[in-house]
Amino acid sequence: MVSEKSRRKWSANVTETSDALDLEEGIFKARSARRIAASLKHSAEHSRRRKAGSFQSAMSMLNFYINRTGKNLPASRKKVLETAKIELRRLFGRTITD
């Protein structure tokens, strides 16, 4: 069975060495959803290692972080990160219309 400690190391390793993006250090701890989205967009657009499009790479990294933190993510942080998803869609011109 895999220990909790090795699981944390695994997800941290993916975040740090992902082929998709070179992330700004500590970006997911930023208080502003707009700042998080802008940083992810910049990282995705300037990455030469990503395999998918810029939008998909940025959104995938954001979803990866949200999913990896899971139950340990306070509601206030989850709200900021979910708002960052909306902002990321807006920045890439992919807003959802009713």
PDB file of N, CA and C in Angstrom:
ATOM      1  N   MET A   1       0.845  -1.184   0.000  1.00  0.00           N
ATOM      2  CA  MET A   1       0.000   0.000   0.000  1.00  0.00           C
ATOM      3  C   MET A   1       0.889   1.245   0.000  1.00  0.00           C
ATOM      4  N   VAL A   2       0.466   2.272  -0.717  1.00  0.00           N
ATOM      5  CA  VAL A   2       1.228   3.512  -0.829  1.00  0.00           C
ATOM      6  C   VAL A   2       0.921   4.398   0.371  1.00  0.00           C
ATOM      7  N   SER A   3       1.959   4.917   1.003  1.00  0.00           N
ATOM      8  CA  SER A   3       1.754   5.762   2.179  1.00  0.00           C
ATOM      9  C   SER A   3       1.302   7.162   1.776  1.00  0.00           C
ATOM     10  N   GLU A   4       0.687   7.854   2.715  1.00  0.00           N
ATOM     11  CA  GLU A   4       0.231   9.231   2.489  1.00  0.00           C
ATOM     12  C   GLU A   4       1.400  10.134   2.134  1.00  0.00           C
ATOM     13  N   LYS A   5       2.532   9.912   2.772  1.00  0.00           N
ATOM     14  CA  LYS A   5       3.717  10.740   2.512  1.00  0.00           C
ATOM     15  C   LYS A   5       4.190  10.588   1.060  1.00  0.00           C
ATOM     16  N   SER A   6       4.210   9.377   0.548  1.00  0.00           N
ATOM     17  CA  SER A   6       4.669   9.178  -0.827  1.00  0.00           C
ATOM     18  C   SER A   6       3.658   9.725  -1.829  1.00  0.00           C
ATOM     19  N   ARG A   7       2.374   9.707  -1.488  1.00  0.00           N
ATOM     20  CA  ARG A   7       1.363  10.301  -2.365  1.00  0.00           C
ATOM     21  C   ARG A   7       1.590  11.793  -2.485  1.00  0.00           C
ATOM     22  N   ARG A   8       1.878  12.451  -1.374  1.00  0.00           N
ATOM     23  CA  ARG A   8       2.139  13.885  -1.421  1.00  0.00           C
ATOM     24  C   ARG A   8       3.367  14.171  -2.263  1.00  0.00           C
ATOM     25  N   LYS A   9       4.365  13.366  -2.124  1.00  0.00           N
ATOM     26  CA  LYS A   9       5.567  13.551  -2.925  1.00  0.00           C
ATOM     27  C   LYS A   9       5.264  13.375  -4.406  1.00  0.00           C
ATOM     28  N   TRP A  10       4.406  12.404  -4.727  1.00  0.00           N
ATOM     29  CA  TRP A  10       4.062  12.147  -6.114  1.00  0.00           C
ATOM     30  C   TRP A  10       3.386  13.354  -6.753  1.00  0.00           C
ATOM     31  N   SER A  11       2.372  13.905  -6.102  1.00  0.00           N
ATOM     32  CA  SER A  11       1.656  15.025  -6.696  1.00  0.00           C
ATOM     33  C   SER A  11       2.518  16.285  -6.724  1.00  0.00           C
ATOM     34  N   ALA A  12       3.348  16.480  -5.732  1.00  0.00           N
ATOM     35  CA  ALA A  12       4.270  17.619  -5.746  1.00  0.00           C
ATOM     36  C   ALA A  12       5.259  17.466  -6.890  1.00  0.00           C
ATOM     37  N   ASN A  13       5.719  16.245  -7.106  1.00  0.00           N
ATOM     38  CA  ASN A  13       6.645  15.981  -8.205  1.00  0.00           C
ATOM     39  C   ASN A  13       5.988  16.276  -9.556  1.00  0.00           C
ATOM     40  N   VAL A  14       4.734  15.877  -9.722  1.00  0.00           N
ATOM     41  CA  VAL A  14       4.027  16.155 -10.973  1.00  0.00           C
ATOM     42  C   VAL A  14       3.896  17.656 -11.177  1.00  0.00           C
ATOM     43  N   THR A  15       3.512  18.375 -10.134  1.00  0.00           N
ATOM     44  CA  THR A  15       3.358  19.825 -10.244  1.00  0.00           C
ATOM     45  C   THR A  15       4.675  20.491 -10.615  1.00  0.00           C
ATOM     46  N   GLU A  16       5.766  20.027 -10.031  1.00  0.00           N
ATOM     47  CA  GLU A  16       7.070  20.657 -10.270  1.00  0.00           C
ATOM     48  C   GLU A  16       7.708  20.249 -11.589  1.00  0.00           C
ATOM     49  N   THR A  17       7.469  19.030 -12.043  1.00  0.00           N
ATOM     50  CA  THR A  17       8.183  18.538 -13.227  1.00  0.00           C
ATOM     51  C   THR A  17       7.258  18.246 -14.403  1.00  0.00           C
ATOM     52  N   SER A  18       6.059  18.765 -14.368  1.00  0.00           N
ATOM     53  CA  SER A  18       5.094  18.505 -15.430  1.00  0.00           C
ATOM     54  C   SER A  18       5.647  18.881 -16.798  1.00  0.00           C
ATOM     55  N   ASP A  19       5.321  18.061 -17.789  1.00  0.00           N
ATOM     56  CA  ASP A  19       5.706  18.382 -19.158  1.00  0.00           C
ATOM     57  C   ASP A  19       4.854  19.504 -19.729  1.00  0.00           C
ATOM     58  N   ALA A  20       3.785  19.834 -19.064  1.00  0.00           N
ATOM     59  CA  ALA A  20       2.868  20.823 -19.599  1.00  0.00           C
ATOM     60  C   ALA A  20       3.339  22.260 -19.383  1.00  0.00           C
ATOM     61  N   LEU A  21       3.697  22.609 -18.177  1.00  0.00           N
ATOM     62  CA  LEU A  21       3.944  24.016 -17.859  1.00  0.00           C
ATOM     63  C   LEU A  21       5.084  24.220 -16.867  1.00  0.00           C
ATOM     64  N   ASP A  22       5.734  25.357 -16.982  1.00  0.00           N
ATOM     65  CA  ASP A  22       6.654  25.830 -15.956  1.00  0.00           C
ATOM     66  C   ASP A  22       5.867  26.851 -15.151  1.00  0.00           C
ATOM     67  N   LEU A  23       5.419  26.462 -13.975  1.00  0.00           N
ATOM     68  CA  LEU A  23       4.548  27.307 -13.174  1.00  0.00           C
ATOM     69  C   LEU A  23       5.318  28.310 -12.336  1.00  0.00           C
ATOM     70  N   GLU A  24       4.703  29.442 -12.126  1.00  0.00           N
ATOM     71  CA  GLU A  24       5.234  30.441 -11.207  1.00  0.00           C
ATOM     72  C   GLU A  24       5.149  29.847  -9.796  1.00  0.00           C
ATOM     73  N   GLU A  25       6.201  29.978  -9.049  1.00  0.00           N
ATOM     74  CA  GLU A  25       6.241  29.380  -7.711  1.00  0.00           C
ATOM     75  C   GLU A  25       5.141  29.947  -6.819  1.00  0.00           C
ATOM     76  N   GLY A  26       4.403  29.066  -6.177  1.00  0.00           N
ATOM     77  CA  GLY A  26       3.363  29.453  -5.224  1.00  0.00           C
ATOM     78  C   GLY A  26       2.119  30.053  -5.852  1.00  0.00           C
ATOM     79  N   ILE A  27       1.935  29.896  -7.154  1.00  0.00           N
ATOM     80  CA  ILE A  27       0.806  30.557  -7.819  1.00  0.00           C
ATOM     81  C   ILE A  27      -0.544  30.099  -7.286  1.00  0.00           C
ATOM     82  N   PHE A  28      -0.678  28.850  -6.905  1.00  0.00           N
ATOM     83  CA  PHE A  28      -1.970  28.373  -6.430  1.00  0.00           C
ATOM     84  C   PHE A  28      -2.311  28.893  -5.038  1.00  0.00           C
ATOM     85  N   LYS A  29      -1.389  29.560  -4.395  1.00  0.00           N
ATOM     86  CA  LYS A  29      -1.647  30.166  -3.088  1.00  0.00           C
ATOM     87  C   LYS A  29      -2.017  31.639  -3.209  1.00  0.00           C
ATOM     88  N   ALA A  30      -2.004  32.174  -4.433  1.00  0.00           N
ATOM     89  CA  ALA A  30      -2.369  33.576  -4.651  1.00  0.00           C
ATOM     90  C   ALA A  30      -3.811  33.801  -4.221  1.00  0.00           C
ATOM     91  N   ARG A  31      -4.109  34.984  -3.741  1.00  0.00           N
ATOM     92  CA  ARG A  31      -5.457  35.293  -3.267  1.00  0.00           C
ATOM     93  C   ARG A  31      -6.404  35.667  -4.394  1.00  0.00           C
ATOM     94  N   SER A  32      -5.861  36.133  -5.499  1.00  0.00           N
ATOM     95  CA  SER A  32      -6.674  36.619  -6.600  1.00  0.00           C
ATOM     96  C   SER A  32      -6.861  35.557  -7.683  1.00  0.00           C
ATOM     97  N   ALA A  33      -8.125  35.265  -7.997  1.00  0.00           N
ATOM     98  CA  ALA A  33      -8.428  34.319  -9.072  1.00  0.00           C
ATOM     99  C   ALA A  33      -7.896  34.854 -10.400  1.00  0.00           C
ATOM    100  N   ARG A  34      -7.979  36.146 -10.599  1.00  0.00           N
ATOM    101  CA  ARG A  34      -7.490  36.754 -11.836  1.00  0.00           C
ATOM    102  C   ARG A  34      -5.980  36.573 -11.963  1.00  0.00           C
ATOM    103  N   ARG A  35      -5.273  36.704 -10.871  1.00  0.00           N
ATOM    104  CA  ARG A  35      -3.809  36.531 -10.871  1.00  0.00           C
ATOM    105  C   ARG A  35      -3.436  35.081 -11.193  1.00  0.00           C
ATOM    106  N   ILE A  36      -4.146  34.137 -10.599  1.00  0.00           N
ATOM    107  CA  ILE A  36      -3.890  32.720 -10.851  1.00  0.00           C
ATOM    108  C   ILE A  36      -4.117  32.413 -12.330  1.00  0.00           C
ATOM    109  N   ALA A  37      -5.258  32.862 -12.856  1.00  0.00           N
ATOM    110  CA  ALA A  37      -5.596  32.599 -14.255  1.00  0.00           C
ATOM    111  C   ALA A  37      -4.584  33.237 -15.205  1.00  0.00           C
ATOM    112  N   ALA A  38      -4.198  34.470 -14.934  1.00  0.00           N
ATOM    113  CA  ALA A  38      -3.238  35.164 -15.795  1.00  0.00           C
ATOM    114  C   ALA A  38      -1.885  34.460 -15.793  1.00  0.00           C
ATOM    115  N   SER A  39      -1.461  33.994 -14.637  1.00  0.00           N
ATOM    116  CA  SER A  39      -0.185  33.295 -14.539  1.00  0.00           C
ATOM    117  C   SER A  39      -0.224  31.966 -15.284  1.00  0.00           C
ATOM    118  N   LEU A  40      -1.320  31.223 -15.127  1.00  0.00           N
ATOM    119  CA  LEU A  40      -1.460  29.955 -15.840  1.00  0.00           C
ATOM    120  C   LEU A  40      -1.492  30.172 -17.352  1.00  0.00           C
ATOM    121  N   LYS A  41      -2.186  31.214 -17.777  1.00  0.00           N
ATOM    122  CA  LYS A  41      -2.250  31.528 -19.209  1.00  0.00           C
ATOM    123  C   LYS A  41      -0.854  31.852 -19.739  1.00  0.00           C
ATOM    124  N   HIS A  42      -0.131  32.683 -19.013  1.00  0.00           N
ATOM    125  CA  HIS A  42       1.225  33.051 -19.421  1.00  0.00           C
ATOM    126  C   HIS A  42       2.124  31.817 -19.488  1.00  0.00           C
ATOM    127  N   SER A  43       2.054  30.985 -18.472  1.00  0.00           N
ATOM    128  CA  SER A  43       2.873  29.772 -18.443  1.00  0.00           C
ATOM    129  C   SER A  43       2.539  28.848 -19.613  1.00  0.00           C
ATOM    130  N   ALA A  44       1.259  28.695 -19.892  1.00  0.00           N
ATOM    131  CA  ALA A  44       0.836  27.798 -20.978  1.00  0.00           C
ATOM    132  C   ALA A  44       1.266  28.335 -22.340  1.00  0.00           C
ATOM    133  N   GLU A  45       1.145  29.628 -22.520  1.00  0.00           N
ATOM    134  CA  GLU A  45       1.488  30.215 -23.817  1.00  0.00           C
ATOM    135  C   GLU A  45       2.991  30.231 -24.082  1.00  0.00           C
ATOM    136  N   HIS A  46       3.787  30.243 -23.027  1.00  0.00           N
ATOM    137  CA  HIS A  46       5.235  30.309 -23.199  1.00  0.00           C
ATOM    138  C   HIS A  46       5.946  28.972 -23.032  1.00  0.00           C
ATOM    139  N   SER A  47       5.181  27.924 -22.745  1.00  0.00           N
ATOM    140  CA  SER A  47       5.777  26.606 -22.566  1.00  0.00           C
ATOM    141  C   SER A  47       6.082  25.979 -23.920  1.00  0.00           C
ATOM    142  N   ARG A  48       7.272  25.421 -24.037  1.00  0.00           N
ATOM    143  CA  ARG A  48       7.645  24.699 -25.250  1.00  0.00           C
ATOM    144  C   ARG A  48       7.490  23.190 -25.055  1.00  0.00           C
ATOM    145  N   ARG A  49       7.135  22.790 -23.824  1.00  0.00           N
ATOM    146  CA  ARG A  49       7.047  21.362 -23.506  1.00  0.00           C
ATOM    147  C   ARG A  49       5.631  20.824 -23.499  1.00  0.00           C
ATOM    148  N   ARG A  50       4.640  21.679 -23.575  1.00  0.00           N
ATOM    149  CA  ARG A  50       3.264  21.187 -23.485  1.00  0.00           C
ATOM    150  C   ARG A  50       2.889  20.375 -24.715  1.00  0.00           C
ATOM    151  N   LYS A  51       2.012  19.418 -24.494  1.00  0.00           N
ATOM    152  CA  LYS A  51       1.592  18.525 -25.572  1.00  0.00           C
ATOM    153  C   LYS A  51       0.239  18.926 -26.135  1.00  0.00           C
ATOM    154  N   ALA A  52      -0.562  19.638 -25.377  1.00  0.00           N
ATOM    155  CA  ALA A  52      -1.898  20.067 -25.810  1.00  0.00           C
ATOM    156  C   ALA A  52      -1.875  21.577 -26.046  1.00  0.00           C
ATOM    157  N   GLY A  53      -3.024  22.135 -26.358  1.00  0.00           N
ATOM    158  CA  GLY A  53      -3.142  23.575 -26.564  1.00  0.00           C
ATOM    159  C   GLY A  53      -2.953  24.337 -25.261  1.00  0.00           C
ATOM    160  N   SER A  54      -2.756  25.637 -25.376  1.00  0.00           N
ATOM    161  CA  SER A  54      -2.520  26.482 -24.201  1.00  0.00           C
ATOM    162  C   SER A  54      -3.667  26.428 -23.200  1.00  0.00           C
ATOM    163  N   PHE A  55      -4.895  26.593 -23.700  1.00  0.00           N
ATOM    164  CA  PHE A  55      -6.050  26.582 -22.807  1.00  0.00           C
ATOM    165  C   PHE A  55      -6.168  25.243 -22.080  1.00  0.00           C
ATOM    166  N   GLN A  56      -6.075  24.159 -22.817  1.00  0.00           N
ATOM    167  CA  GLN A  56      -6.224  22.831 -22.210  1.00  0.00           C
ATOM    168  C   GLN A  56      -5.129  22.579 -21.174  1.00  0.00           C
ATOM    169  N   SER A  57      -3.914  22.978 -21.466  1.00  0.00           N
ATOM    170  CA  SER A  57      -2.812  22.775 -20.523  1.00  0.00           C
ATOM    171  C   SER A  57      -3.015  23.567 -19.244  1.00  0.00           C
ATOM    172  N   ALA A  58      -3.422  24.824 -19.388  1.00  0.00           N
ATOM    173  CA  ALA A  58      -3.640  25.675 -18.214  1.00  0.00           C
ATOM    174  C   ALA A  58      -4.792  25.149 -17.367  1.00  0.00           C
ATOM    175  N   MET A  59      -5.900  24.794 -18.009  1.00  0.00           N
ATOM    176  CA  MET A  59      -7.067  24.300 -17.274  1.00  0.00           C
ATOM    177  C   MET A  59      -6.759  22.951 -16.625  1.00  0.00           C
ATOM    178  N   SER A  60      -6.023  22.117 -17.309  1.00  0.00           N
ATOM    179  CA  SER A  60      -5.661  20.807 -16.751  1.00  0.00           C
ATOM    180  C   SER A  60      -4.816  20.955 -15.493  1.00  0.00           C
ATOM    181  N   MET A  61      -3.879  21.878 -15.507  1.00  0.00           N
ATOM    182  CA  MET A  61      -3.033  22.077 -14.333  1.00  0.00           C
ATOM    183  C   MET A  61      -3.854  22.614 -13.161  1.00  0.00           C
ATOM    184  N   LEU A  62      -4.781  23.516 -13.437  1.00  0.00           N
ATOM    185  CA  LEU A  62      -5.642  24.046 -12.384  1.00  0.00           C
ATOM    186  C   LEU A  62      -6.531  22.938 -11.814  1.00  0.00           C
ATOM    187  N   ASN A  63      -7.136  22.145 -12.679  1.00  0.00           N
ATOM    188  CA  ASN A  63      -7.971  21.023 -12.210  1.00  0.00           C
ATOM    189  C   ASN A  63      -7.148  19.997 -11.451  1.00  0.00           C
ATOM    190  N   PHE A  64      -5.948  19.728 -11.921  1.00  0.00           N
ATOM    191  CA  PHE A  64      -5.065  18.791 -11.230  1.00  0.00           C
ATOM    192  C   PHE A  64      -4.830  19.262  -9.792  1.00  0.00           C
ATOM    193  N   TYR A  65      -4.506  20.531  -9.633  1.00  0.00           N
ATOM    194  CA  TYR A  65      -4.248  21.061  -8.296  1.00  0.00           C
ATOM    195  C   TYR A  65      -5.492  20.940  -7.410  1.00  0.00           C
ATOM    196  N   ILE A  66      -6.648  21.325  -7.934  1.00  0.00           N
ATOM    197  CA  ILE A  66      -7.891  21.249  -7.154  1.00  0.00           C
ATOM    198  C   ILE A  66      -8.177  19.802  -6.751  1.00  0.00           C
ATOM    199  N   ASN A  67      -8.037  18.889  -7.681  1.00  0.00           N
ATOM    200  CA  ASN A  67      -8.321  17.477  -7.392  1.00  0.00           C
ATOM    201  C   ASN A  67      -7.312  16.870  -6.424  1.00  0.00           C
ATOM    202  N   ARG A  68      -6.069  17.242  -6.516  1.00  0.00           N
ATOM    203  CA  ARG A  68      -5.042  16.686  -5.635  1.00  0.00           C
ATOM    204  C   ARG A  68      -5.197  17.177  -4.211  1.00  0.00           C
ATOM    205  N   THR A  69      -5.647  18.401  -4.013  1.00  0.00           N
ATOM    206  CA  THR A  69      -5.799  18.910  -2.649  1.00  0.00           C
ATOM    207  C   THR A  69      -7.067  18.368  -2.006  1.00  0.00           C
ATOM    208  N   GLY A  70      -8.057  18.035  -2.808  1.00  0.00           N
ATOM    209  CA  GLY A  70      -9.260  17.345  -2.354  1.00  0.00           C
ATOM    210  C   GLY A  70      -9.892  17.889  -1.095  1.00  0.00           C
ATOM    211  N   LYS A  71     -10.080  17.013  -0.132  1.00  0.00           N
ATOM    212  CA  LYS A  71     -10.766  17.361   1.112  1.00  0.00           C
ATOM    213  C   LYS A  71      -9.992  18.359   1.952  1.00  0.00           C
ATOM    214  N   ASN A  72      -8.704  18.463   1.729  1.00  0.00           N
ATOM    215  CA  ASN A  72      -7.882  19.382   2.524  1.00  0.00           C
ATOM    216  C   ASN A  72      -8.004  20.829   2.071  1.00  0.00           C
ATOM    217  N   LEU A  73      -8.730  21.078   0.992  1.00  0.00           N
ATOM    218  CA  LEU A  73      -8.870  22.426   0.454  1.00  0.00           C
ATOM    219  C   LEU A  73     -10.015  23.148   1.166  1.00  0.00           C
ATOM    220  N   PRO A  74      -9.706  24.225   1.893  1.00  0.00           N
ATOM    221  CA  PRO A  74     -10.775  24.976   2.561  1.00  0.00           C
ATOM    222  C   PRO A  74     -11.749  25.568   1.535  1.00  0.00           C
ATOM    223  N   ALA A  75     -12.977  25.765   1.937  1.00  0.00           N
ATOM    224  CA  ALA A  75     -14.019  26.280   1.035  1.00  0.00           C
ATOM    225  C   ALA A  75     -13.623  27.618   0.420  1.00  0.00           C
ATOM    226  N   SER A  76     -12.977  28.470   1.195  1.00  0.00           N
ATOM    227  CA  SER A  76     -12.584  29.785   0.678  1.00  0.00           C
ATOM    228  C   SER A  76     -11.549  29.660  -0.449  1.00  0.00           C
ATOM    229  N   ARG A  77     -10.612  28.725  -0.306  1.00  0.00           N
ATOM    230  CA  ARG A  77      -9.605  28.503  -1.358  1.00  0.00           C
ATOM    231  C   ARG A  77     -10.237  27.869  -2.590  1.00  0.00           C
ATOM    232  N   LYS A  78     -11.145  26.925  -2.343  1.00  0.00           N
ATOM    233  CA  LYS A  78     -11.814  26.275  -3.465  1.00  0.00           C
ATOM    234  C   LYS A  78     -12.599  27.297  -4.270  1.00  0.00           C
ATOM    235  N   LYS A  79     -13.237  28.243  -3.587  1.00  0.00           N
ATOM    236  CA  LYS A  79     -13.997  29.282  -4.276  1.00  0.00           C
ATOM    237  C   LYS A  79     -13.077  30.123  -5.156  1.00  0.00           C
ATOM    238  N   VAL A  80     -11.916  30.495  -4.641  1.00  0.00           N
ATOM    239  CA  VAL A  80     -10.960  31.280  -5.429  1.00  0.00           C
ATOM    240  C   VAL A  80     -10.502  30.481  -6.650  1.00  0.00           C
ATOM    241  N   LEU A  81     -10.198  29.213  -6.463  1.00  0.00           N
ATOM    242  CA  LEU A  81      -9.716  28.384  -7.564  1.00  0.00           C
ATOM    243  C   LEU A  81     -10.808  28.106  -8.598  1.00  0.00           C
ATOM    244  N   GLU A  82     -12.029  27.914  -8.155  1.00  0.00           N
ATOM    245  CA  GLU A  82     -13.141  27.735  -9.092  1.00  0.00           C
ATOM    246  C   GLU A  82     -13.393  29.025  -9.876  1.00  0.00           C
ATOM    247  N   THR A  83     -13.237  30.167  -9.215  1.00  0.00           N
ATOM    248  CA  THR A  83     -13.364  31.453  -9.901  1.00  0.00           C
ATOM    249  C   THR A  83     -12.225  31.629 -10.896  1.00  0.00           C
ATOM    250  N   ALA A  84     -11.058  31.103 -10.566  1.00  0.00           N
ATOM    251  CA  ALA A  84      -9.921  31.167 -11.492  1.00  0.00           C
ATOM    252  C   ALA A  84     -10.218  30.392 -12.770  1.00  0.00           C
ATOM    253  N   LYS A  85     -10.988  29.317 -12.673  1.00  0.00           N
ATOM    254  CA  LYS A  85     -11.383  28.565 -13.871  1.00  0.00           C
ATOM    255  C   LYS A  85     -12.226  29.445 -14.792  1.00  0.00           C
ATOM    256  N   ILE A  86     -13.167  30.149 -14.211  1.00  0.00           N
ATOM    257  CA  ILE A  86     -14.031  31.048 -14.982  1.00  0.00           C
ATOM    258  C   ILE A  86     -13.187  32.144 -15.624  1.00  0.00           C
ATOM    259  N   GLU A  87     -12.272  32.695 -14.843  1.00  0.00           N
ATOM    260  CA  GLU A  87     -11.392  33.752 -15.343  1.00  0.00           C
ATOM    261  C   GLU A  87     -10.488  33.234 -16.455  1.00  0.00           C
ATOM    262  N   LEU A  88     -10.004  32.029 -16.313  1.00  0.00           N
ATOM    263  CA  LEU A  88      -9.144  31.420 -17.334  1.00  0.00           C
ATOM    264  C   LEU A  88      -9.917  31.259 -18.647  1.00  0.00           C
ATOM    265  N   ARG A  89     -11.160  30.808 -18.544  1.00  0.00           N
ATOM    266  CA  ARG A  89     -12.002  30.702 -19.747  1.00  0.00           C
ATOM    267  C   ARG A  89     -12.174  32.072 -20.400  1.00  0.00           C
ATOM    268  N   ARG A  90     -12.398  33.099 -19.578  1.00  0.00           N
ATOM    269  CA  ARG A  90     -12.573  34.452 -20.091  1.00  0.00           C
ATOM    270  C   ARG A  90     -11.315  34.933 -20.801  1.00  0.00           C
ATOM    271  N   LEU A  91     -10.157  34.716 -20.186  1.00  0.00           N
ATOM    272  CA  LEU A  91      -8.884  35.160 -20.769  1.00  0.00           C
ATOM    273  C   LEU A  91      -8.595  34.495 -22.116  1.00  0.00           C
ATOM    274  N   PHE A  92      -9.046  33.269 -22.263  1.00  0.00           N
ATOM    275  CA  PHE A  92      -8.834  32.547 -23.520  1.00  0.00           C
ATOM    276  C   PHE A  92     -10.000  32.722 -24.492  1.00  0.00           C
ATOM    277  N   GLY A  93     -10.972  33.560 -24.124  1.00  0.00           N
ATOM    278  CA  GLY A  93     -12.111  33.794 -25.005  1.00  0.00           C
ATOM    279  C   GLY A  93     -13.045  32.612 -25.122  1.00  0.00           C
ATOM    280  N   ARG A  94     -13.136  31.836 -24.058  1.00  0.00           N
ATOM    281  CA  ARG A  94     -13.981  30.633 -24.070  1.00  0.00           C
ATOM    282  C   ARG A  94     -15.067  30.713 -23.006  1.00  0.00           C
ATOM    283  N   THR A  95     -15.664  31.874 -22.882  1.00  0.00           N
ATOM    284  CA  THR A  95     -16.716  32.039 -21.887  1.00  0.00           C
ATOM    285  C   THR A  95     -17.942  31.239 -22.282  1.00  0.00           C
ATOM    286  N   ILE A  96     -18.618  30.750 -21.285  1.00  0.00           N
ATOM    287  CA  ILE A  96     -19.820  29.953 -21.493  1.00  0.00           C
ATOM    288  C   ILE A  96     -21.011  30.924 -21.478  1.00  0.00           C
ATOM    289  N   THR A  97     -21.817  30.857 -22.529  1.00  0.00           N
ATOM    290  CA  THR A  97     -22.987  31.717 -22.583  1.00  0.00           C
ATOM    291  C   THR A  97     -24.248  30.880 -22.438  1.00  0.00           C
ATOM    292  N   ASP A  98     -25.242  31.468 -21.817  1.00  0.00           N
ATOM    293  CA  ASP A  98     -26.521  30.763 -21.608  1.00  0.00           C
ATOM    294  C   ASP A  98     -27.391  30.859 -22.828  1.00  0.00           C
TER     295      ASP A  98
END
